Amino acid sequence: MQYRITTPCTAADLAPLKAGDTVLLSGVVYTARDQAHKRILEALDKGEPLPFDLEGSAIYYVGPTPERPGEVIGSAGPTTSGRMDAMSPRLLDLGNKIMIGKGKRDAAVKEAVVRNGAVYLAALGGAGALMAKSVQTLEVIAWPDLGCEAVRRLTVQDMPLTVILDAHGGDLYLEGPAAYLEQC
């Protein structure tokens, strides 16, 4: 099935999604990779305000390339999500609802997704130009010293994504191959 989802999201918004579904995501998406995640956790530990509200948020694991003249963003392909696994459950527990990246996630992330009614969505790896076409606006909102890993606020329209982990424990990386083998 294909769904249109607009951020910010609630668990009820995401409940119909199943592993393997397609999502066209619109609204605000924040970028945060490894270093930004570390700074977010440091800010939480110190009781400092975060650069954005986690409640209902979508976080895209991307470090976009510089934009060309007349473009909003450069290539915006996903980075490997597993690098954020140690930090993601805490953010999910604090309200993050959508994670966007590529690759498998560990058991703790899968449990946090289910516990919080969240989802993990895959962006097409190697298709950074396609992902960039969905971005309408971009603003660096925190830690510009991190360069491409600075936190950005993106406004996206119909960003094409695939549900990998759903709020019910579905995992496309496990179910997809099994369904294929059943057909053989």
Protein backbone atom coordinates (compact mmCIF):
# COMPACT_ATOMS: atom_id res chain seq x y z
CA MET A 1 0.00 0.00 0.00
CA GLN A 2 1.02 3.61 -0.43
CA TYR A 3 0.40 6.26 2.21
CA ARG A 4 0.78 10.01 2.37
CA ILE A 5 2.11 11.10 5.76
CA THR A 6 2.68 14.65 6.99
CA THR A 7 4.90 15.54 9.93
CA PRO A 8 4.71 15.94 12.85
CA CYS A 9 3.23 12.45 13.41
CA THR A 10 1.54 10.55 16.18
CA ALA A 11 1.52 6.82 16.83
CA ALA A 12 -2.06 6.78 15.48
CA ASP A 13 -0.87 8.36 12.19
CA LEU A 14 1.73 5.64 11.77
CA ALA A 15 -0.30 2.65 13.00
CA PRO A 16 -1.69 1.70 9.55
CA LEU A 17 1.83 1.36 8.07
CA LYS A 18 3.23 -2.12 7.50
CA ALA A 19 6.73 -3.21 6.54
CA GLY A 20 6.98 -2.99 2.75
CA ASP A 21 4.50 -0.12 2.35
CA THR A 22 5.47 3.00 0.44
CA VAL A 23 5.27 6.41 2.09
CA LEU A 24 5.23 9.83 0.46
CA LEU A 25 6.40 12.03 3.32
CA SER A 26 5.68 15.75 3.50
CA GLY A 27 6.28 18.38 6.14
CA VAL A 28 9.31 19.13 8.30
CA VAL A 29 12.19 16.66 8.47
CA TYR A 30 15.34 17.25 10.52
CA THR A 31 18.76 16.03 9.45
CA ALA A 32 21.03 14.45 12.04
CA ARG A 33 23.89 12.03 11.65
CA ASP A 34 26.40 10.59 14.12
CA GLN A 35 27.91 13.78 15.49
CA ALA A 36 24.59 15.61 15.74
CA HIS A 37 23.10 12.64 17.61
CA LYS A 38 25.99 12.76 20.08
CA ARG A 39 25.41 16.47 20.67
CA ILE A 40 21.67 15.94 21.10
CA LEU A 41 22.36 13.34 23.80
CA GLU A 42 24.92 15.61 25.47
CA ALA A 43 22.34 18.43 25.54
CA LEU A 44 19.76 16.06 27.06
CA ASP A 45 22.26 14.93 29.71
CA LYS A 46 23.00 18.56 30.62
CA GLY A 47 19.34 19.56 30.65
CA GLU A 48 19.90 21.97 27.76
CA PRO A 49 17.25 22.72 25.14
CA LEU A 50 17.37 20.74 21.91
CA PRO A 51 17.52 22.42 18.50
CA PHE A 52 14.10 20.96 17.65
CA ASP A 53 11.15 19.35 19.38
CA LEU A 54 11.44 15.56 19.31
CA GLU A 55 7.70 15.02 19.77
CA GLY A 56 6.33 13.64 16.49
CA SER A 57 9.57 14.41 14.67
CA ALA A 58 11.12 12.84 11.60
CA ILE A 59 14.93 12.54 11.55
CA TYR A 60 16.76 11.85 8.29
CA TYR A 61 20.25 10.40 8.58
CA VAL A 62 21.84 12.48 5.84
CA GLY A 63 24.79 14.79 5.33
CA PRO A 64 23.83 16.59 2.13
CA THR A 65 26.38 17.87 -0.31
CA PRO A 66 26.52 21.64 -1.01
CA GLU A 67 23.77 22.89 -3.25
CA ARG A 68 24.44 24.18 -6.75
CA PRO A 69 23.29 27.68 -7.67
CA GLY A 70 19.50 27.80 -7.81
CA GLU A 71 19.06 24.55 -5.85
CA VAL A 72 17.83 24.17 -2.27
CA ILE A 73 20.10 21.22 -1.41
CA GLY A 74 22.79 19.11 -3.01
CA SER A 75 22.70 15.34 -3.18
CA ALA A 76 20.80 14.07 -0.13
CA GLY A 77 21.23 10.30 -0.01
CA PRO A 78 20.86 8.41 3.29
CA THR A 79 23.72 7.29 5.47
CA THR A 80 23.95 3.92 7.20
CA SER A 81 21.46 3.96 10.07
CA GLY A 82 23.24 1.42 12.26
CA ARG A 83 25.67 4.12 13.34
CA MET A 84 22.80 5.76 15.24
CA ASP A 85 21.53 2.53 16.87
CA ALA A 86 23.04 3.19 20.30
CA MET A 87 21.39 6.62 20.43
CA SER A 88 18.04 6.06 18.68
CA PRO A 89 16.04 4.30 21.45
CA ARG A 90 16.42 7.28 23.77
CA LEU A 91 15.22 9.70 21.10
CA LEU A 92 12.28 7.43 20.26
CA ASP A 93 11.36 7.27 23.94
CA LEU A 94 11.35 11.10 23.99
CA GLY A 95 8.94 11.39 21.07
CA ASN A 96 10.82 10.89 17.79
CA LYS A 97 8.41 9.01 15.50
CA ILE A 98 10.15 8.60 12.15
CA MET A 99 13.75 7.65 11.40
CA ILE A 100 14.94 7.72 7.78
CA GLY A 101 18.11 6.06 6.55
CA LYS A 102 19.34 2.83 5.05
CA GLY A 103 20.38 -0.56 6.37
CA LYS A 104 19.39 -2.85 9.21
CA ARG A 105 18.74 -1.75 12.78
CA ASP A 106 19.58 -3.60 16.00
CA ALA A 107 17.15 -5.29 18.40
CA ALA A 108 17.05 -2.33 20.83
CA VAL A 109 15.94 0.03 18.04
CA LYS A 110 13.30 -2.46 16.85
CA GLU A 111 11.93 -2.75 20.41
CA ALA A 112 11.86 1.05 20.80
CA VAL A 113 10.02 1.43 17.48
CA VAL A 114 7.27 -0.93 18.67
CA ARG A 115 7.20 0.51 22.20
CA ASN A 116 6.70 4.03 20.87
CA GLY A 117 4.48 3.45 17.83
CA ALA A 118 7.22 4.73 15.54
CA VAL A 119 8.59 3.65 12.16
CA TYR A 120 11.92 3.31 10.40
CA LEU A 121 11.77 4.29 6.75
CA ALA A 122 14.36 3.60 4.07
CA ALA A 123 15.43 6.17 1.53
CA LEU A 124 16.96 4.94 -1.69
CA GLY A 125 20.69 4.60 -1.22
CA GLY A 126 22.66 5.87 -4.20
CA ALA A 127 19.76 8.09 -5.27
CA GLY A 128 20.67 11.31 -3.48
CA ALA A 129 19.55 13.47 -6.40
CA LEU A 130 16.10 11.84 -6.32
CA MET A 131 15.78 12.44 -2.58
CA ALA A 132 16.92 16.05 -3.01
CA LYS A 133 14.06 16.74 -5.44
CA SER A 134 11.60 16.39 -2.52
CA VAL A 135 13.29 19.16 -0.51
CA GLN A 136 11.58 22.54 -0.83
CA THR A 137 13.40 24.53 1.88
CA LEU A 138 16.51 24.09 4.02
CA GLU A 139 17.72 25.94 7.10
CA VAL A 140 20.74 25.08 9.25
CA ILE A 141 19.37 25.23 12.81
CA ALA A 142 22.19 23.84 14.97
CA TRP A 143 25.91 23.14 15.10
CA PRO A 144 27.09 24.61 11.79
CA ASP A 145 30.63 23.68 12.83
CA LEU A 146 29.69 20.08 11.95
CA GLY A 147 29.58 21.00 8.25
CA CYS A 148 27.47 18.48 6.33
CA GLU A 149 26.48 16.91 9.67
CA ALA A 150 24.94 20.12 11.04
CA VAL A 151 21.28 19.83 11.99
CA ARG A 152 19.07 21.15 9.21
CA ARG A 153 15.35 21.79 9.08
CA LEU A 154 14.04 20.59 5.73
CA THR A 155 10.57 21.10 4.34
CA VAL A 156 9.83 18.16 2.05
CA GLN A 157 7.02 17.29 -0.32
CA ASP A 158 6.26 13.68 -1.24
CA MET A 159 9.65 12.26 -0.29
CA PRO A 160 9.50 8.63 -1.53
CA LEU A 161 10.30 6.16 1.27
CA THR A 162 9.73 2.49 2.14
CA VAL A 163 8.63 1.18 5.55
CA ILE A 164 11.33 -1.14 6.90
CA LEU A 165 10.30 -1.36 10.58
CA ASP A 166 6.68 -0.81 11.51
CA ALA A 167 5.05 -0.18 14.89
CA HIS A 168 3.79 -3.77 15.04
CA GLY A 169 7.19 -5.48 14.89
CA GLY A 170 7.26 -5.94 11.11
CA ASP A 171 10.74 -5.93 9.57
CA LEU A 172 11.01 -5.85 5.77
CA TYR A 173 14.61 -7.06 5.93
CA LEU A 174 13.34 -10.30 7.55
CA GLU A 175 9.91 -10.63 5.92
CA GLY A 176 10.90 -9.63 2.37
CA PRO A 177 13.40 -12.45 1.74
CA ALA A 178 11.11 -14.98 3.46
CA ALA A 179 8.17 -13.99 1.22
CA TYR A 180 10.38 -14.23 -1.86
CA LEU A 181 11.62 -17.70 -0.90
CA GLU A 182 8.03 -18.89 -0.39
CA GLN A 183 7.30 -18.00 -4.02
CA CYS A 184 10.25 -19.98 -5.36
